[in-house]
Amino acid sequence: MTDANRDHAAAVTRGEGRAGATAAEQAAACDYSIEIRNLSLWYGAFQALLNVNMRIRDGLITGLIGPSGCGKTTLLRALNRINERYGNVTTVGQVKIFGRDIYDPAVSLPELRKSVGMVFQRPNPLPISVYENVVFGMRMHNRRSKLSGAFLDEAVEQALRDVFLWEDLKDRLRTRATDLQLEQQQKLCIARLLPLKPHVILMDEPCSALDIDGTKAIEDLMLGLRGRYTIVIVTHNMAQARRVSDDCIFMLLGEIIEHSATKELFLNPRNSKTADYIEGRYG
């Protein structure tokens, strides 16, 4: 159980759990970081998600697979409400992260995106130094008086160590981040999230711009972060889904077709549509 989940469990034991839930139900809820109920989403008149229901286990890596245009990225973005940036979006249903409905009007979007971080297809480091990239979020979310030089230095070193960049970059912290190799840029984008202590990390095809070595490095990093964070990854790479994910979700035309342990989904799919997809008959 992650620290965030321990906090949630402690809240339950203090009587702050879901009203009307039994003790068993509250304890079971601590096994899941994310619970989605009857989630539908429209871009204008086009419905991209159709009544999605699922639960994502805490501290594990969950893969989202399916053909292009099936709603994977839309679902991923719904988990930190980034879809709303694109305008003309209507969302109904419920998304709970550690028991809190993120679509509640009282939810602060900056705080939500601090706890649910996002890594995009192409690395998007800021065109400033490596050091300033890592501390950027900390400066945004904290009063300057709290951020001593020593505190920031320690946070930068820890974040870069966590993504296996410290040895490569410890003497290049003032280097412009956009001058790094693509693999290093993607690792840096992940490092930028970590000082904010997110509970969930969302990854939208994080290896699509990388070569074989870069892909392996990011996959190794994900496996190293497993257990400390809940990770949800969109991937078109079936081999990657099998290598890194604990659970896997197959989507088609905005719907969840199948959701199970990755090994089970690939070896014994319950739905013929899942079997057709993973065997390469379409998509």
Protein backbone atom coordinates (compact mmCIF):
# COMPACT_ATOMS: atom_id res chain seq x y z
CA MET A 1 0.00 0.00 0.00
CA THR A 2 1.40 3.45 -0.94
CA ASP A 3 1.71 6.34 1.52
CA ALA A 4 -1.28 8.03 -0.10
CA ASN A 5 -3.34 4.93 0.35
CA ARG A 6 -2.21 4.61 3.96
CA ASP A 7 -3.47 8.16 4.50
CA HIS A 8 -6.79 7.20 2.93
CA ALA A 9 -7.01 4.11 5.08
CA ALA A 10 -6.28 6.20 8.17
CA ALA A 11 -9.07 8.58 7.19
CA VAL A 12 -11.42 5.62 6.93
CA THR A 13 -10.47 4.43 10.40
CA ARG A 14 -11.18 7.94 11.73
CA GLY A 15 -14.72 7.64 10.40
CA GLU A 16 -14.06 9.83 7.33
CA GLY A 17 -14.84 7.11 4.79
CA ARG A 18 -17.75 7.00 2.38
CA ALA A 19 -21.04 7.53 4.18
CA GLY A 20 -23.05 4.34 4.54
CA ALA A 21 -20.20 2.05 3.50
CA THR A 22 -19.48 -1.02 5.56
CA ALA A 23 -16.05 -1.54 7.12
CA ALA A 24 -15.34 -4.25 4.52
CA GLU A 25 -16.28 -1.92 1.66
CA GLN A 26 -14.10 0.84 3.05
CA ALA A 27 -11.15 -1.51 3.45
CA ALA A 28 -11.61 -2.78 -0.11
CA ALA A 29 -11.64 0.79 -1.42
CA CYS A 30 -8.10 1.21 -0.13
CA ASP A 31 -6.95 -1.32 -2.75
CA TYR A 32 -7.92 1.05 -5.56
CA SER A 33 -6.49 4.46 -6.44
CA ILE A 34 -9.09 5.26 -9.09
CA GLU A 35 -12.77 4.36 -9.34
CA ILE A 36 -14.82 5.40 -12.37
CA ARG A 37 -18.60 5.16 -12.50
CA ASN A 38 -20.82 5.75 -15.53
CA LEU A 39 -18.33 8.12 -17.18
CA SER A 40 -19.34 9.52 -20.57
CA LEU A 41 -17.67 12.34 -22.49
CA TRP A 42 -18.56 14.30 -25.61
CA TYR A 43 -16.49 16.57 -27.86
CA GLY A 44 -19.31 18.71 -29.15
CA ALA A 45 -21.86 16.23 -30.51
CA PHE A 46 -19.36 13.36 -30.76
CA GLN A 47 -19.43 10.90 -27.88
CA ALA A 48 -15.87 9.71 -27.19
CA LEU A 49 -16.51 7.74 -23.97
CA LEU A 50 -19.60 5.60 -23.39
CA ASN A 51 -20.59 4.79 -19.83
CA VAL A 52 -17.14 3.73 -18.62
CA ASN A 53 -16.96 1.82 -15.33
CA MET A 54 -13.70 0.54 -13.88
CA ARG A 55 -11.38 0.46 -10.87
CA ILE A 56 -7.61 0.82 -11.05
CA ARG A 57 -5.51 -0.90 -8.43
CA ASP A 58 -3.23 1.15 -6.21
CA GLY A 59 0.53 1.12 -6.75
CA LEU A 60 0.46 -0.93 -9.94
CA ILE A 61 0.91 -0.21 -13.65
CA THR A 62 -2.30 -0.39 -15.69
CA GLY A 63 -2.08 -0.42 -19.48
CA LEU A 64 -4.72 1.05 -21.79
CA ILE A 65 -4.72 -0.62 -25.21
CA GLY A 66 -6.94 -0.47 -28.28
CA PRO A 67 -6.95 0.82 -31.86
CA SER A 68 -6.41 4.48 -32.70
CA GLY A 69 -9.43 6.63 -31.93
CA CYS A 70 -10.96 4.22 -29.43
CA GLY A 71 -10.88 6.72 -26.52
CA LYS A 72 -7.70 5.70 -24.66
CA THR A 73 -6.15 9.15 -24.49
CA THR A 74 -9.51 10.77 -23.78
CA LEU A 75 -9.99 8.43 -20.82
CA LEU A 76 -6.47 9.12 -19.60
CA ARG A 77 -7.02 12.88 -19.80
CA ALA A 78 -10.32 12.53 -17.95
CA LEU A 79 -8.33 11.40 -14.91
CA ASN A 80 -6.90 14.87 -14.39
CA ARG A 81 -9.47 16.86 -16.38
CA ILE A 82 -7.07 17.98 -19.10
CA ASN A 83 -9.81 17.37 -21.68
CA GLU A 84 -11.42 20.56 -20.45
CA ARG A 85 -8.57 22.59 -21.94
CA TYR A 86 -9.82 21.79 -25.43
CA GLY A 87 -13.23 23.46 -25.12
CA ASN A 88 -16.70 22.22 -26.07
CA VAL A 89 -16.27 19.17 -23.84
CA THR A 90 -19.12 17.70 -21.80
CA THR A 91 -18.37 15.13 -19.09
CA VAL A 92 -20.88 13.23 -16.98
CA GLY A 93 -20.34 10.52 -14.40
CA GLN A 94 -17.93 10.15 -11.53
CA VAL A 95 -14.16 9.75 -11.24
CA LYS A 96 -12.89 9.18 -7.72
CA ILE A 97 -9.19 9.31 -6.89
CA PHE A 98 -8.53 8.04 -3.39
CA GLY A 99 -12.20 8.52 -2.63
CA ARG A 100 -12.52 12.12 -3.83
CA ASP A 101 -14.69 12.89 -6.86
CA ILE A 102 -12.40 15.00 -9.06
CA TYR A 103 -15.40 16.44 -10.92
CA ASP A 104 -16.78 17.97 -7.74
CA PRO A 105 -17.03 21.75 -8.35
CA ALA A 106 -15.03 22.35 -5.18
CA VAL A 107 -11.96 20.54 -6.56
CA SER A 108 -8.98 22.80 -7.31
CA LEU A 109 -7.59 21.97 -10.76
CA PRO A 110 -4.02 23.05 -9.89
CA GLU A 111 -4.10 20.79 -6.82
CA LEU A 112 -5.62 17.93 -8.84
CA ARG A 113 -2.90 18.17 -11.50
CA LYS A 114 -0.29 18.31 -8.78
CA SER A 115 -1.45 14.95 -7.41
CA VAL A 116 -2.24 13.39 -10.80
CA GLY A 117 0.72 14.10 -13.06
CA MET A 118 0.85 13.68 -16.84
CA VAL A 119 3.61 12.59 -19.22
CA PHE A 120 2.91 13.15 -22.91
CA GLN A 121 3.85 11.35 -26.14
CA ARG A 122 6.68 13.69 -27.02
CA PRO A 123 8.90 15.03 -24.24
CA ASN A 124 7.91 18.59 -23.37
CA PRO A 125 10.65 20.02 -21.13
CA LEU A 126 10.52 23.76 -20.62
CA PRO A 127 13.16 25.72 -22.60
CA ILE A 128 15.05 26.50 -19.40
CA SER A 129 17.75 24.70 -17.43
CA VAL A 130 17.53 21.13 -16.18
CA TYR A 131 17.54 22.46 -12.61
CA GLU A 132 14.73 24.96 -13.22
CA ASN A 133 12.63 22.28 -14.97
CA VAL A 134 12.72 20.10 -11.87
CA VAL A 135 11.87 22.91 -9.45
CA PHE A 136 9.31 24.61 -11.71
CA GLY A 137 6.29 22.92 -10.13
CA MET A 138 7.62 23.49 -6.62
CA ARG A 139 7.93 27.21 -7.32
CA MET A 140 4.38 27.26 -8.72
CA HIS A 141 2.80 25.50 -5.71
CA ASN A 142 4.78 26.89 -2.76
CA ARG A 143 5.52 30.26 -1.24
CA ARG A 144 9.03 31.43 -2.03
CA SER A 145 9.86 31.69 1.68
CA LYS A 146 9.51 27.90 1.99
CA LEU A 147 11.96 27.14 -0.81
CA SER A 148 15.50 27.56 0.44
CA GLY A 149 18.37 26.90 -1.91
CA ALA A 150 19.38 23.81 0.05
CA PHE A 151 15.83 22.47 -0.02
CA LEU A 152 15.59 22.89 -3.79
CA ASP A 153 19.04 21.39 -4.35
CA GLU A 154 18.06 18.32 -2.36
CA ALA A 155 14.77 17.97 -4.24
CA VAL A 156 16.53 18.21 -7.62
CA GLU A 157 19.10 15.59 -6.70
CA GLN A 158 16.47 13.18 -5.36
CA ALA A 159 14.18 13.59 -8.38
CA LEU A 160 17.04 13.06 -10.83
CA ARG A 161 18.25 10.03 -8.88
CA ASP A 162 14.74 8.58 -8.96
CA VAL A 163 14.75 8.71 -12.78
CA PHE A 164 18.39 7.60 -13.13
CA LEU A 165 19.61 10.94 -14.49
CA TRP A 166 21.70 12.24 -11.60
CA GLU A 167 25.02 10.73 -12.63
CA ASP A 168 24.58 11.94 -16.21
CA LEU A 169 23.42 15.45 -15.38
CA LYS A 170 24.82 16.39 -11.95
CA ASP A 171 27.48 18.54 -13.65
CA ARG A 172 25.06 19.84 -16.29
CA LEU A 173 22.22 21.18 -14.17
CA ARG A 174 22.41 24.58 -15.91
CA THR A 175 22.21 22.97 -19.36
CA ARG A 176 19.13 23.93 -21.38
CA ALA A 177 16.76 21.00 -21.03
CA THR A 178 15.76 21.04 -24.70
CA ASP A 179 19.38 20.26 -25.61
CA LEU A 180 19.21 16.84 -23.93
CA GLN A 181 18.68 13.57 -25.78
CA LEU A 182 15.02 12.60 -26.23
CA GLU A 183 15.26 9.79 -23.69
CA GLN A 184 16.79 12.18 -21.15
CA GLN A 185 14.10 14.78 -21.89
CA GLN A 186 11.34 12.23 -21.22
CA LYS A 187 12.99 11.14 -17.97
CA LEU A 188 13.31 14.80 -17.00
CA CYS A 189 9.58 15.33 -17.61
CA ILE A 190 8.91 12.50 -15.16
CA ALA A 191 11.44 13.94 -12.70
CA ARG A 192 9.60 17.27 -12.89
CA LEU A 193 6.50 15.58 -11.43
CA LEU A 194 8.13 13.80 -8.51
CA PRO A 195 8.90 16.73 -6.15
CA LEU A 196 5.17 17.50 -6.17
CA LYS A 197 4.57 14.06 -4.61
CA PRO A 198 1.87 12.90 -7.04
CA HIS A 199 -0.32 9.95 -6.16
CA VAL A 200 -0.94 8.96 -9.78
CA ILE A 201 1.20 9.30 -12.92
CA LEU A 202 -0.54 9.21 -16.31
CA MET A 203 1.57 8.35 -19.37
CA ASP A 204 0.29 8.86 -22.92
CA GLU A 205 2.49 6.71 -25.17
CA PRO A 206 5.66 7.94 -23.42
CA CYS A 207 7.97 5.88 -25.66
CA SER A 208 6.45 6.69 -29.06
CA ALA A 209 9.24 9.15 -29.95
CA LEU A 210 12.08 7.01 -28.62
CA ASP A 211 14.38 4.38 -30.11
CA ILE A 212 14.80 0.86 -28.71
CA ASP A 213 17.34 1.88 -26.08
CA GLY A 214 15.27 4.88 -25.01
CA THR A 215 12.14 2.76 -24.79
CA LYS A 216 13.90 0.22 -22.58
CA ALA A 217 15.17 3.01 -20.33
CA ILE A 218 11.68 4.45 -19.83
CA GLU A 219 10.19 1.00 -19.26
CA ASP A 220 12.86 0.24 -16.65
CA LEU A 221 12.05 3.57 -15.01
CA MET A 222 8.32 2.76 -14.89
CA LEU A 223 9.06 -0.59 -13.27
CA GLY A 224 11.29 1.18 -10.75
CA LEU A 225 8.48 3.60 -9.84
CA ARG A 226 5.93 0.79 -9.56
CA GLY A 227 4.68 0.42 -6.00
CA ARG A 228 5.42 4.03 -5.12
CA TYR A 229 2.94 5.46 -7.60
CA THR A 230 -0.14 4.28 -9.45
CA ILE A 231 0.78 4.45 -13.14
CA VAL A 232 -1.68 4.39 -16.04
CA ILE A 233 -0.10 4.11 -19.49
CA VAL A 234 -1.62 4.35 -22.96
CA THR A 235 0.34 2.25 -25.45
CA HIS A 236 -0.11 0.90 -28.98
CA ASN A 237 2.80 -1.47 -28.39
CA MET A 238 1.38 -4.85 -27.38
CA ALA A 239 4.80 -6.16 -26.36
CA GLN A 240 5.28 -3.14 -24.13
CA ALA A 241 1.88 -3.64 -22.50
CA ARG A 242 2.84 -7.23 -21.73
CA ARG A 243 6.27 -6.25 -20.39
CA VAL A 244 5.37 -3.42 -18.03
CA SER A 245 1.71 -3.56 -17.01
CA ASP A 246 0.19 -5.52 -14.15
CA ASP A 247 -3.38 -5.00 -15.34
CA CYS A 248 -4.59 -4.20 -18.84
CA ILE A 249 -7.71 -2.56 -20.23
CA PHE A 250 -8.85 -3.08 -23.83
CA MET A 251 -10.98 -0.27 -25.27
CA LEU A 252 -12.99 -0.13 -28.46
CA LEU A 253 -15.17 2.71 -29.76
CA GLY A 254 -15.21 4.50 -26.41
CA GLU A 255 -16.13 1.46 -24.34
CA ILE A 256 -14.26 -0.82 -21.96
CA ILE A 257 -14.37 -4.25 -23.60
CA GLU A 258 -12.17 -6.14 -21.16
CA HIS A 259 -10.19 -5.37 -17.99
CA SER A 260 -8.11 -7.99 -16.22
CA ALA A 261 -4.62 -8.97 -15.15
CA THR A 262 -2.32 -8.48 -18.14
CA LYS A 263 -1.21 -12.10 -18.36
CA GLU A 264 -4.82 -13.27 -18.26
CA LEU A 265 -5.96 -10.76 -20.89
CA PHE A 266 -3.25 -11.78 -23.36
CA LEU A 267 -3.32 -15.52 -22.76
CA ASN A 268 -7.03 -16.08 -22.09
CA PRO A 269 -9.09 -13.12 -23.34
CA ARG A 270 -12.73 -13.47 -22.41
CA ASN A 271 -14.07 -11.37 -25.27
CA SER A 272 -13.61 -12.29 -28.93
CA LYS A 273 -13.00 -8.62 -29.79
CA THR A 274 -10.05 -8.57 -27.40
CA ALA A 275 -8.66 -11.73 -28.97
CA ASP A 276 -9.02 -10.28 -32.45
CA TYR A 277 -7.15 -7.14 -31.48
CA ILE A 278 -4.22 -8.68 -29.64
CA GLU A 279 -3.81 -11.25 -32.41
CA GLY A 280 -3.53 -8.44 -34.96
CA ARG A 281 -6.72 -8.98 -36.91
CA TYR A 282 -7.46 -5.25 -36.83
CA GLY A 283 -6.24 -2.00 -35.29
